[in-house]
Amino acid sequence: MSETWLAWTLIVGMGLVAFFTRAVFILPGSHLKLPATAERVLRYAPAAALMAIVLPDLALTQGALSISIGNPKLVAGLVAFGLAAATRSILLTIVGGMLVLTLIR
């Protein structure tokens, strides 16, 4: 058995395992029903993941913690958060946050 054939077999096998472990939730005939508490909690998972990625970038300047009005990214992020909470508009949130960041810099 050649190494190339073995490598492709492993790649295809891993792809099939990844597909079927995820597809079980959307395959016809699957009736997975989550508890109401889990459904409520999972609604906030995308926002929590996004905050875990974005918040450190807003609070750090050149690797040092910078929670002050002198940090333009933090100010723009707070304005964007306020716009998002007030309007629930993704477009207004992005445009407003970027506009504030551009004006402050």
PDB file of N, CA and C in Angstrom:
ATOM      1  N   MET A   1       0.851  -1.173   0.000  1.00  0.00           N
ATOM      2  CA  MET A   1       0.000   0.000   0.000  1.00  0.00           C
ATOM      3  C   MET A   1       0.901   1.241   0.000  1.00  0.00           C
ATOM      4  N   SER A   2       0.680   2.147  -0.949  1.00  0.00           N
ATOM      5  CA  SER A   2       1.539   3.326  -1.049  1.00  0.00           C
ATOM      6  C   SER A   2       1.106   4.378  -0.029  1.00  0.00           C
ATOM      7  N   GLU A   3       2.046   5.267   0.279  1.00  0.00           N
ATOM      8  CA  GLU A   3       1.761   6.321   1.253  1.00  0.00           C
ATOM      9  C   GLU A   3       0.694   7.282   0.741  1.00  0.00           C
ATOM     10  N   THR A   4       0.679   7.557  -0.544  1.00  0.00           N
ATOM     11  CA  THR A   4      -0.312   8.462  -1.124  1.00  0.00           C
ATOM     12  C   THR A   4      -1.718   7.888  -0.967  1.00  0.00           C
ATOM     13  N   TRP A   5      -1.858   6.594  -1.266  1.00  0.00           N
ATOM     14  CA  TRP A   5      -3.165   5.952  -1.137  1.00  0.00           C
ATOM     15  C   TRP A   5      -3.624   5.967   0.311  1.00  0.00           C
ATOM     16  N   LEU A   6      -2.707   5.701   1.234  1.00  0.00           N
ATOM     17  CA  LEU A   6      -3.038   5.708   2.657  1.00  0.00           C
ATOM     18  C   LEU A   6      -3.445   7.108   3.118  1.00  0.00           C
ATOM     19  N   ALA A   7      -2.728   8.125   2.655  1.00  0.00           N
ATOM     20  CA  ALA A   7      -3.052   9.497   3.034  1.00  0.00           C
ATOM     21  C   ALA A   7      -4.440   9.882   2.549  1.00  0.00           C
ATOM     22  N   TRP A   8      -4.762   9.545   1.291  1.00  0.00           N
ATOM     23  CA  TRP A   8      -6.088   9.879   0.766  1.00  0.00           C
ATOM     24  C   TRP A   8      -7.191   9.088   1.470  1.00  0.00           C
ATOM     25  N   THR A   9      -6.919   7.865   1.830  1.00  0.00           N
ATOM     26  CA  THR A   9      -7.893   7.066   2.573  1.00  0.00           C
ATOM     27  C   THR A   9      -8.192   7.712   3.927  1.00  0.00           C
ATOM     28  N   LEU A  10      -7.143   8.171   4.605  1.00  0.00           N
ATOM     29  CA  LEU A  10      -7.332   8.848   5.888  1.00  0.00           C
ATOM     30  C   LEU A  10      -8.104  10.154   5.723  1.00  0.00           C
ATOM     31  N   ILE A  11      -7.800  10.921   4.706  1.00  0.00           N
ATOM     32  CA  ILE A  11      -8.499  12.188   4.468  1.00  0.00           C
ATOM     33  C   ILE A  11      -9.975  11.943   4.207  1.00  0.00           C
ATOM     34  N   VAL A  12     -10.284  10.993   3.335  1.00  0.00           N
ATOM     35  CA  VAL A  12     -11.684  10.689   3.032  1.00  0.00           C
ATOM     36  C   VAL A  12     -12.391  10.144   4.267  1.00  0.00           C
ATOM     37  N   GLY A  13     -11.714   9.288   5.008  1.00  0.00           N
ATOM     38  CA  GLY A  13     -12.304   8.733   6.226  1.00  0.00           C
ATOM     39  C   GLY A  13     -12.607   9.801   7.257  1.00  0.00           C
ATOM     40  N   MET A  14     -11.674  10.719   7.470  1.00  0.00           N
ATOM     41  CA  MET A  14     -11.908  11.798   8.424  1.00  0.00           C
ATOM     42  C   MET A  14     -13.030  12.709   7.949  1.00  0.00           C
ATOM     43  N   GLY A  15     -13.108  12.935   6.646  1.00  0.00           N
ATOM     44  CA  GLY A  15     -14.202  13.749   6.100  1.00  0.00           C
ATOM     45  C   GLY A  15     -15.552  13.104   6.328  1.00  0.00           C
ATOM     46  N   LEU A  16     -15.629  11.790   6.116  1.00  0.00           N
ATOM     47  CA  LEU A  16     -16.895  11.081   6.337  1.00  0.00           C
ATOM     48  C   LEU A  16     -17.294  11.091   7.810  1.00  0.00           C
ATOM     49  N   VAL A  17     -16.339  10.870   8.684  1.00  0.00           N
ATOM     50  CA  VAL A  17     -16.641  10.916  10.122  1.00  0.00           C
ATOM     51  C   VAL A  17     -17.130  12.305  10.512  1.00  0.00           C
ATOM     52  N   ALA A  18     -16.448  13.348  10.046  1.00  0.00           N
ATOM     53  CA  ALA A  18     -16.858  14.715  10.369  1.00  0.00           C
ATOM     54  C   ALA A  18     -18.250  15.013   9.824  1.00  0.00           C
ATOM     55  N   PHE A  19     -18.530  14.567   8.601  1.00  0.00           N
ATOM     56  CA  PHE A  19     -19.843  14.817   8.005  1.00  0.00           C
ATOM     57  C   PHE A  19     -20.954  14.120   8.784  1.00  0.00           C
ATOM     58  N   PHE A  20     -20.778  12.835   9.056  1.00  0.00           N
ATOM     59  CA  PHE A  20     -21.865  12.089   9.691  1.00  0.00           C
ATOM     60  C   PHE A  20     -22.076  12.459  11.158  1.00  0.00           C
ATOM     61  N   THR A  21     -21.027  12.888  11.853  1.00  0.00           N
ATOM     62  CA  THR A  21     -21.236  13.312  13.242  1.00  0.00           C
ATOM     63  C   THR A  21     -21.993  14.634  13.314  1.00  0.00           C
ATOM     64  N   ARG A  22     -21.927  15.430  12.259  1.00  0.00           N
ATOM     65  CA  ARG A  22     -22.669  16.683  12.231  1.00  0.00           C
ATOM     66  C   ARG A  22     -24.020  16.525  11.541  1.00  0.00           C
ATOM     67  N   ALA A  23     -24.099  15.659  10.555  1.00  0.00           N
ATOM     68  CA  ALA A  23     -25.320  15.501   9.770  1.00  0.00           C
ATOM     69  C   ALA A  23     -26.414  14.783  10.533  1.00  0.00           C
ATOM     70  N   VAL A  24     -26.078  14.100  11.598  1.00  0.00           N
ATOM     71  CA  VAL A  24     -27.097  13.360  12.339  1.00  0.00           C
ATOM     72  C   VAL A  24     -28.184  14.313  12.860  1.00  0.00           C
ATOM     73  N   PHE A  25     -27.861  15.575  13.026  1.00  0.00           N
ATOM     74  CA  PHE A  25     -28.836  16.533  13.546  1.00  0.00           C
ATOM     75  C   PHE A  25     -29.781  17.057  12.468  1.00  0.00           C
ATOM     76  N   ILE A  26     -29.401  16.926  11.191  1.00  0.00           N
ATOM     77  CA  ILE A  26     -30.240  17.477  10.125  1.00  0.00           C
ATOM     78  C   ILE A  26     -30.761  16.423   9.159  1.00  0.00           C
ATOM     79  N   LEU A  27     -30.395  15.168   9.361  1.00  0.00           N
ATOM     80  CA  LEU A  27     -30.867  14.118   8.472  1.00  0.00           C
ATOM     81  C   LEU A  27     -32.377  13.954   8.583  1.00  0.00           C
ATOM     82  N   PRO A  28     -33.047  13.641   7.476  1.00  0.00           N
ATOM     83  CA  PRO A  28     -34.491  13.412   7.533  1.00  0.00           C
ATOM     84  C   PRO A  28     -34.803  12.273   8.502  1.00  0.00           C
ATOM     85  N   GLY A  29     -35.824  12.487   9.280  1.00  0.00           N
ATOM     86  CA  GLY A  29     -36.231  11.459  10.227  1.00  0.00           C
ATOM     87  C   GLY A  29     -35.622  11.627  11.604  1.00  0.00           C
ATOM     88  N   SER A  30     -34.636  12.507  11.750  1.00  0.00           N
ATOM     89  CA  SER A  30     -34.071  12.712  13.086  1.00  0.00           C
ATOM     90  C   SER A  30     -34.918  13.750  13.803  1.00  0.00           C
ATOM     91  N   HIS A  31     -35.344  13.395  14.975  1.00  0.00           N
ATOM     92  CA  HIS A  31     -36.225  14.269  15.749  1.00  0.00           C
ATOM     93  C   HIS A  31     -35.548  14.621  17.068  1.00  0.00           C
ATOM     94  N   LEU A  32     -34.461  15.326  16.964  1.00  0.00           N
ATOM     95  CA  LEU A  32     -33.747  15.743  18.157  1.00  0.00           C
ATOM     96  C   LEU A  32     -34.441  16.961  18.737  1.00  0.00           C
ATOM     97  N   LYS A  33     -34.875  16.857  19.967  1.00  0.00           N
ATOM     98  CA  LYS A  33     -35.546  17.974  20.634  1.00  0.00           C
ATOM     99  C   LYS A  33     -34.733  18.333  21.867  1.00  0.00           C
ATOM    100  N   LEU A  34     -34.217  19.548  21.875  1.00  0.00           N
ATOM    101  CA  LEU A  34     -33.442  20.019  23.021  1.00  0.00           C
ATOM    102  C   LEU A  34     -34.384  20.511  24.107  1.00  0.00           C
ATOM    103  N   PRO A  35     -33.975  20.405  25.348  1.00  0.00           N
ATOM    104  CA  PRO A  35     -34.774  20.988  26.429  1.00  0.00           C
ATOM    105  C   PRO A  35     -34.878  22.501  26.250  1.00  0.00           C
ATOM    106  N   ALA A  36     -35.945  23.085  26.769  1.00  0.00           N
ATOM    107  CA  ALA A  36     -36.180  24.526  26.619  1.00  0.00           C
ATOM    108  C   ALA A  36     -35.022  25.346  27.182  1.00  0.00           C
ATOM    109  N   THR A  37     -34.455  24.906  28.290  1.00  0.00           N
ATOM    110  CA  THR A  37     -33.325  25.635  28.887  1.00  0.00           C
ATOM    111  C   THR A  37     -32.129  25.643  27.950  1.00  0.00           C
ATOM    112  N   ALA A  38     -31.836  24.517  27.329  1.00  0.00           N
ATOM    113  CA  ALA A  38     -30.709  24.439  26.396  1.00  0.00           C
ATOM    114  C   ALA A  38     -30.951  25.324  25.183  1.00  0.00           C
ATOM    115  N   GLU A  39     -32.178  25.365  24.682  1.00  0.00           N
ATOM    116  CA  GLU A  39     -32.490  26.232  23.540  1.00  0.00           C
ATOM    117  C   GLU A  39     -32.290  27.696  23.894  1.00  0.00           C
ATOM    118  N   ARG A  40     -32.714  28.102  25.095  1.00  0.00           N
ATOM    119  CA  ARG A  40     -32.537  29.499  25.514  1.00  0.00           C
ATOM    120  C   ARG A  40     -31.055  29.846  25.646  1.00  0.00           C
ATOM    121  N   VAL A  41     -30.280  28.940  26.224  1.00  0.00           N
ATOM    122  CA  VAL A  41     -28.856  29.203  26.427  1.00  0.00           C
ATOM    123  C   VAL A  41     -28.119  29.248  25.092  1.00  0.00           C
ATOM    124  N   LEU A  42     -28.445  28.334  24.180  1.00  0.00           N
ATOM    125  CA  LEU A  42     -27.745  28.267  22.896  1.00  0.00           C
ATOM    126  C   LEU A  42     -28.033  29.459  21.993  1.00  0.00           C
ATOM    127  N   ARG A  43     -29.098  30.198  22.262  1.00  0.00           N
ATOM    128  CA  ARG A  43     -29.362  31.413  21.485  1.00  0.00           C
ATOM    129  C   ARG A  43     -28.230  32.417  21.631  1.00  0.00           C
ATOM    130  N   TYR A  44     -27.575  32.409  22.787  1.00  0.00           N
ATOM    131  CA  TYR A  44     -26.524  33.387  23.065  1.00  0.00           C
ATOM    132  C   TYR A  44     -25.123  32.880  22.735  1.00  0.00           C
ATOM    133  N   ALA A  45     -24.993  31.661  22.261  1.00  0.00           N
ATOM    134  CA  ALA A  45     -23.671  31.093  21.960  1.00  0.00           C
ATOM    135  C   ALA A  45     -22.918  31.880  20.884  1.00  0.00           C
ATOM    136  N   PRO A  46     -23.554  32.265  19.755  1.00  0.00           N
ATOM    137  CA  PRO A  46     -22.795  33.036  18.761  1.00  0.00           C
ATOM    138  C   PRO A  46     -22.298  34.379  19.302  1.00  0.00           C
ATOM    139  N   ALA A  47     -23.122  35.071  20.065  1.00  0.00           N
ATOM    140  CA  ALA A  47     -22.696  36.360  20.623  1.00  0.00           C
ATOM    141  C   ALA A  47     -21.564  36.170  21.619  1.00  0.00           C
ATOM    142  N   ALA A  48     -21.629  35.127  22.422  1.00  0.00           N
ATOM    143  CA  ALA A  48     -20.568  34.863  23.398  1.00  0.00           C
ATOM    144  C   ALA A  48     -19.256  34.520  22.699  1.00  0.00           C
ATOM    145  N   ALA A  49     -19.329  33.723  21.645  1.00  0.00           N
ATOM    146  CA  ALA A  49     -18.116  33.374  20.906  1.00  0.00           C
ATOM    147  C   ALA A  49     -17.513  34.614  20.237  1.00  0.00           C
ATOM    148  N   LEU A  50     -18.353  35.454  19.668  1.00  0.00           N
ATOM    149  CA  LEU A  50     -17.871  36.672  19.033  1.00  0.00           C
ATOM    150  C   LEU A  50     -17.226  37.605  20.052  1.00  0.00           C
ATOM    151  N   MET A  51     -17.833  37.737  21.214  1.00  0.00           N
ATOM    152  CA  MET A  51     -17.260  38.598  22.256  1.00  0.00           C
ATOM    153  C   MET A  51     -15.914  38.051  22.733  1.00  0.00           C
ATOM    154  N   ALA A  52     -15.779  36.741  22.806  1.00  0.00           N
ATOM    155  CA  ALA A  52     -14.512  36.151  23.236  1.00  0.00           C
ATOM    156  C   ALA A  52     -13.395  36.450  22.242  1.00  0.00           C
ATOM    157  N   ILE A  53     -13.758  36.644  20.992  1.00  0.00           N
ATOM    158  CA  ILE A  53     -12.767  36.962  19.966  1.00  0.00           C
ATOM    159  C   ILE A  53     -12.490  38.463  19.917  1.00  0.00           C
ATOM    160  N   VAL A  54     -13.530  39.275  20.002  1.00  0.00           N
ATOM    161  CA  VAL A  54     -13.416  40.720  19.790  1.00  0.00           C
ATOM    162  C   VAL A  54     -12.947  41.471  21.028  1.00  0.00           C
ATOM    163  N   LEU A  55     -13.444  41.124  22.198  1.00  0.00           N
ATOM    164  CA  LEU A  55     -13.159  41.895  23.412  1.00  0.00           C
ATOM    165  C   LEU A  55     -11.662  42.028  23.714  1.00  0.00           C
ATOM    166  N   PRO A  56     -10.870  40.966  23.626  1.00  0.00           N
ATOM    167  CA  PRO A  56      -9.432  41.158  23.877  1.00  0.00           C
ATOM    168  C   PRO A  56      -8.788  42.141  22.907  1.00  0.00           C
ATOM    169  N   ASP A  57      -9.232  42.163  21.664  1.00  0.00           N
ATOM    170  CA  ASP A  57      -8.663  43.099  20.695  1.00  0.00           C
ATOM    171  C   ASP A  57      -9.038  44.538  21.041  1.00  0.00           C
ATOM    172  N   LEU A  58     -10.232  44.740  21.588  1.00  0.00           N
ATOM    173  CA  LEU A  58     -10.650  46.096  21.960  1.00  0.00           C
ATOM    174  C   LEU A  58      -9.912  46.594  23.196  1.00  0.00           C
ATOM    175  N   ALA A  59      -9.648  45.716  24.134  1.00  0.00           N
ATOM    176  CA  ALA A  59      -9.080  46.138  25.419  1.00  0.00           C
ATOM    177  C   ALA A  59      -7.553  46.166  25.422  1.00  0.00           C
ATOM    178  N   LEU A  60      -6.916  45.590  24.427  1.00  0.00           N
ATOM    179  CA  LEU A  60      -5.451  45.560  24.404  1.00  0.00           C
ATOM    180  C   LEU A  60      -4.903  46.494  23.338  1.00  0.00           C
ATOM    181  N   THR A  61      -3.864  47.237  23.705  1.00  0.00           N
ATOM    182  CA  THR A  61      -3.148  48.083  22.763  1.00  0.00           C
ATOM    183  C   THR A  61      -1.674  47.725  22.860  1.00  0.00           C
ATOM    184  N   GLN A  62      -1.117  47.212  21.798  1.00  0.00           N
ATOM    185  CA  GLN A  62       0.280  46.769  21.739  1.00  0.00           C
ATOM    186  C   GLN A  62       0.593  45.774  22.850  1.00  0.00           C
ATOM    187  N   GLY A  63      -0.344  44.873  23.113  1.00  0.00           N
ATOM    188  CA  GLY A  63      -0.146  43.818  24.087  1.00  0.00           C
ATOM    189  C   GLY A  63      -0.384  44.206  25.532  1.00  0.00           C
ATOM    190  N   ALA A  64      -0.703  45.470  25.786  1.00  0.00           N
ATOM    191  CA  ALA A  64      -0.937  45.930  27.157  1.00  0.00           C
ATOM    192  C   ALA A  64      -2.412  46.300  27.321  1.00  0.00           C
ATOM    193  N   LEU A  65      -2.936  46.035  28.497  1.00  0.00           N
ATOM    194  CA  LEU A  65      -4.328  46.356  28.794  1.00  0.00           C
ATOM    195  C   LEU A  65      -4.513  47.866  28.765  1.00  0.00           C
ATOM    196  N   SER A  66      -5.470  48.330  27.988  1.00  0.00           N
ATOM    197  CA  SER A  66      -5.703  49.768  27.820  1.00  0.00           C
ATOM    198  C   SER A  66      -7.199  50.047  27.880  1.00  0.00           C
ATOM    199  N   ILE A  67      -7.704  50.158  29.086  1.00  0.00           N
ATOM    200  CA  ILE A  67      -9.123  50.472  29.269  1.00  0.00           C
ATOM    201  C   ILE A  67      -9.205  51.949  29.648  1.00  0.00           C
ATOM    202  N   SER A  68      -9.239  52.791  28.618  1.00  0.00           N
ATOM    203  CA  SER A  68      -9.311  54.232  28.835  1.00  0.00           C
ATOM    204  C   SER A  68      -9.928  54.896  27.613  1.00  0.00           C
ATOM    205  N   ILE A  69     -10.251  56.149  27.756  1.00  0.00           N
ATOM    206  CA  ILE A  69     -10.828  56.918  26.656  1.00  0.00           C
ATOM    207  C   ILE A  69      -9.797  57.143  25.554  1.00  0.00           C
ATOM    208  N   GLY A  70      -8.521  56.928  25.856  1.00  0.00           N
ATOM    209  CA  GLY A  70      -7.460  57.085  24.865  1.00  0.00           C
ATOM    210  C   GLY A  70      -7.320  55.900  23.921  1.00  0.00           C
ATOM    211  N   ASN A  71      -8.067  54.843  24.149  1.00  0.00           N
ATOM    212  CA  ASN A  71      -8.020  53.664  23.288  1.00  0.00           C
ATOM    213  C   ASN A  71      -9.143  53.789  22.254  1.00  0.00           C
ATOM    214  N   PRO A  72      -8.811  54.154  21.008  1.00  0.00           N
ATOM    215  CA  PRO A  72      -9.859  54.388  20.011  1.00  0.00           C
ATOM    216  C   PRO A  72     -10.686  53.147  19.682  1.00  0.00           C
ATOM    217  N   LYS A  73     -10.064  51.968  19.702  1.00  0.00           N
ATOM    218  CA  LYS A  73     -10.823  50.741  19.411  1.00  0.00           C
ATOM    219  C   LYS A  73     -11.869  50.472  20.491  1.00  0.00           C
ATOM    220  N   LEU A  74     -11.512  50.721  21.740  1.00  0.00           N
ATOM    221  CA  LEU A  74     -12.455  50.498  22.835  1.00  0.00           C
ATOM    222  C   LEU A  74     -13.611  51.476  22.761  1.00  0.00           C
ATOM    223  N   VAL A  75     -13.335  52.734  22.478  1.00  0.00           N
ATOM    224  CA  VAL A  75     -14.396  53.735  22.356  1.00  0.00           C
ATOM    225  C   VAL A  75     -15.331  53.384  21.202  1.00  0.00           C
ATOM    226  N   ALA A  76     -14.766  53.027  20.054  1.00  0.00           N
ATOM    227  CA  ALA A  76     -15.589  52.650  18.900  1.00  0.00           C
ATOM    228  C   ALA A  76     -16.400  51.393  19.193  1.00  0.00           C
ATOM    229  N   GLY A  77     -15.816  50.443  19.906  1.00  0.00           N
ATOM    230  CA  GLY A  77     -16.532  49.229  20.281  1.00  0.00           C
ATOM    231  C   GLY A  77     -17.696  49.521  21.210  1.00  0.00           C
ATOM    232  N   LEU A  78     -17.501  50.421  22.148  1.00  0.00           N
ATOM    233  CA  LEU A  78     -18.593  50.797  23.056  1.00  0.00           C
ATOM    234  C   LEU A  78     -19.715  51.522  22.313  1.00  0.00           C
ATOM    235  N   VAL A  79     -19.349  52.393  21.376  1.00  0.00           N
ATOM    236  CA  VAL A  79     -20.360  53.066  20.556  1.00  0.00           C
ATOM    237  C   VAL A  79     -21.123  52.040  19.720  1.00  0.00           C
ATOM    238  N   ALA A  80     -20.411  51.105  19.119  1.00  0.00           N
ATOM    239  CA  ALA A  80     -21.061  50.066  18.318  1.00  0.00           C
ATOM    240  C   ALA A  80     -21.986  49.216  19.181  1.00  0.00           C
ATOM    241  N   PHE A  81     -21.550  48.888  20.396  1.00  0.00           N
ATOM    242  CA  PHE A  81     -22.403  48.117  21.306  1.00  0.00           C
ATOM    243  C   PHE A  81     -23.664  48.894  21.648  1.00  0.00           C
ATOM    244  N   GLY A  82     -23.511  50.188  21.916  1.00  0.00           N
ATOM    245  CA  GLY A  82     -24.680  51.023  22.215  1.00  0.00           C
ATOM    246  C   GLY A  82     -25.644  51.092  21.041  1.00  0.00           C
ATOM    247  N   LEU A  83     -25.098  51.249  19.844  1.00  0.00           N
ATOM    248  CA  LEU A  83     -25.951  51.272  18.646  1.00  0.00           C
ATOM    249  C   LEU A  83     -26.666  49.938  18.439  1.00  0.00           C
ATOM    250  N   ALA A  84     -25.956  48.851  18.669  1.00  0.00           N
ATOM    251  CA  ALA A  84     -26.563  47.530  18.502  1.00  0.00           C
ATOM    252  C   ALA A  84     -27.688  47.318  19.505  1.00  0.00           C
ATOM    253  N   ALA A  85     -27.457  47.724  20.748  1.00  0.00           N
ATOM    254  CA  ALA A  85     -28.474  47.548  21.777  1.00  0.00           C
ATOM    255  C   ALA A  85     -29.685  48.438  21.521  1.00  0.00           C
ATOM    256  N   ALA A  86     -29.445  49.645  21.005  1.00  0.00           N
ATOM    257  CA  ALA A  86     -30.546  50.591  20.811  1.00  0.00           C
ATOM    258  C   ALA A  86     -31.339  50.323  19.537  1.00  0.00           C
ATOM    259  N   THR A  87     -30.657  49.928  18.468  1.00  0.00           N
ATOM    260  CA  THR A  87     -31.338  49.836  17.173  1.00  0.00           C
ATOM    261  C   THR A  87     -31.555  48.411  16.665  1.00  0.00           C
ATOM    262  N   ARG A  88     -30.761  47.467  17.139  1.00  0.00           N
ATOM    263  CA  ARG A  88     -30.804  46.079  16.640  1.00  0.00           C
ATOM    264  C   ARG A  88     -30.530  46.012  15.133  1.00  0.00           C
ATOM    265  N   SER A  89     -29.779  46.984  14.618  1.00  0.00           N
ATOM    266  CA  SER A  89     -29.449  47.037  13.203  1.00  0.00           C
ATOM    267  C   SER A  89     -27.971  46.710  13.021  1.00  0.00           C
ATOM    268  N   ILE A  90     -27.693  45.637  12.301  1.00  0.00           N
ATOM    269  CA  ILE A  90     -26.311  45.242  12.068  1.00  0.00           C
ATOM    270  C   ILE A  90     -25.589  46.291  11.228  1.00  0.00           C
ATOM    271  N   LEU A  91     -26.257  46.788  10.195  1.00  0.00           N
ATOM    272  CA  LEU A  91     -25.636  47.778   9.313  1.00  0.00           C
ATOM    273  C   LEU A  91     -25.297  49.057  10.067  1.00  0.00           C
ATOM    274  N   LEU A  92     -26.230  49.566  10.860  1.00  0.00           N
ATOM    275  CA  LEU A  92     -25.980  50.788  11.630  1.00  0.00           C
ATOM    276  C   LEU A  92     -24.876  50.566  12.662  1.00  0.00           C
ATOM    277  N   THR A  93     -24.833  49.389  13.253  1.00  0.00           N
ATOM    278  CA  THR A  93     -23.790  49.075  14.228  1.00  0.00           C
ATOM    279  C   THR A  93     -22.412  49.107  13.575  1.00  0.00           C
ATOM    280  N   ILE A  94     -22.277  48.471  12.422  1.00  0.00           N
ATOM    281  CA  ILE A  94     -20.979  48.424  11.729  1.00  0.00           C
ATOM    282  C   ILE A  94     -20.569  49.803  11.251  1.00  0.00           C
ATOM    283  N   VAL A  95     -21.486  50.496  10.594  1.00  0.00           N
ATOM    284  CA  VAL A  95     -21.167  51.825  10.055  1.00  0.00           C
ATOM    285  C   VAL A  95     -20.852  52.800  11.181  1.00  0.00           C
ATOM    286  N   GLY A  96     -21.657  52.789  12.232  1.00  0.00           N
ATOM    287  CA  GLY A  96     -21.425  53.703  13.358  1.00  0.00           C
ATOM    288  C   GLY A  96     -20.108  53.436  14.051  1.00  0.00           C
ATOM    289  N   GLY A  97     -19.810  52.175  14.317  1.00  0.00           N
ATOM    290  CA  GLY A  97     -18.550  51.834  14.973  1.00  0.00           C
ATOM    291  C   GLY A  97     -17.344  52.200  14.137  1.00  0.00           C
ATOM    292  N   MET A  98     -17.412  51.911  12.830  1.00  0.00           N
ATOM    293  CA  MET A  98     -16.291  52.244  11.946  1.00  0.00           C
ATOM    294  C   MET A  98     -16.133  53.745  11.782  1.00  0.00           C
ATOM    295  N   LEU A  99     -17.242  54.472  11.726  1.00  0.00           N
ATOM    296  CA  LEU A  99     -17.182  55.927  11.613  1.00  0.00           C
ATOM    297  C   LEU A  99     -16.520  56.544  12.839  1.00  0.00           C
ATOM    298  N   VAL A 100     -16.918  56.088  14.016  1.00  0.00           N
ATOM    299  CA  VAL A 100     -16.301  56.596  15.251  1.00  0.00           C
ATOM    300  C   VAL A 100     -14.819  56.247  15.291  1.00  0.00           C
ATOM    301  N   LEU A 101     -14.465  55.029  14.912  1.00  0.00           N
ATOM    302  CA  LEU A 101     -13.047  54.635  14.915  1.00  0.00           C
ATOM    303  C   LEU A 101     -12.253  55.506  13.945  1.00  0.00           C
ATOM    304  N   THR A 102     -12.807  55.764  12.776  1.00  0.00           N
ATOM    305  CA  THR A 102     -12.112  56.598  11.783  1.00  0.00           C
ATOM    306  C   THR A 102     -11.955  58.026  12.291  1.00  0.00           C
ATOM    307  N   LEU A 103     -12.996  58.578  12.889  1.00  0.00           N
ATOM    308  CA  LEU A 103     -12.935  59.962  13.382  1.00  0.00           C
ATOM    309  C   LEU A 103     -11.963  60.112  14.545  1.00  0.00           C
ATOM    310  N   ILE A 104     -11.917  59.138  15.426  1.00  0.00           N
ATOM    311  CA  ILE A 104     -11.024  59.235  16.596  1.00  0.00           C
ATOM    312  C   ILE A 104      -9.560  59.080  16.192  1.00  0.00           C
ATOM    313  N   ARG A 105      -9.284  58.193  15.256  1.00  0.00           N
ATOM    314  CA  ARG A 105      -7.898  57.979  14.839  1.00  0.00           C
ATOM    315  C   ARG A 105      -7.411  59.179  14.073  1.00  0.00           C
TER     316      ARG A 105
END
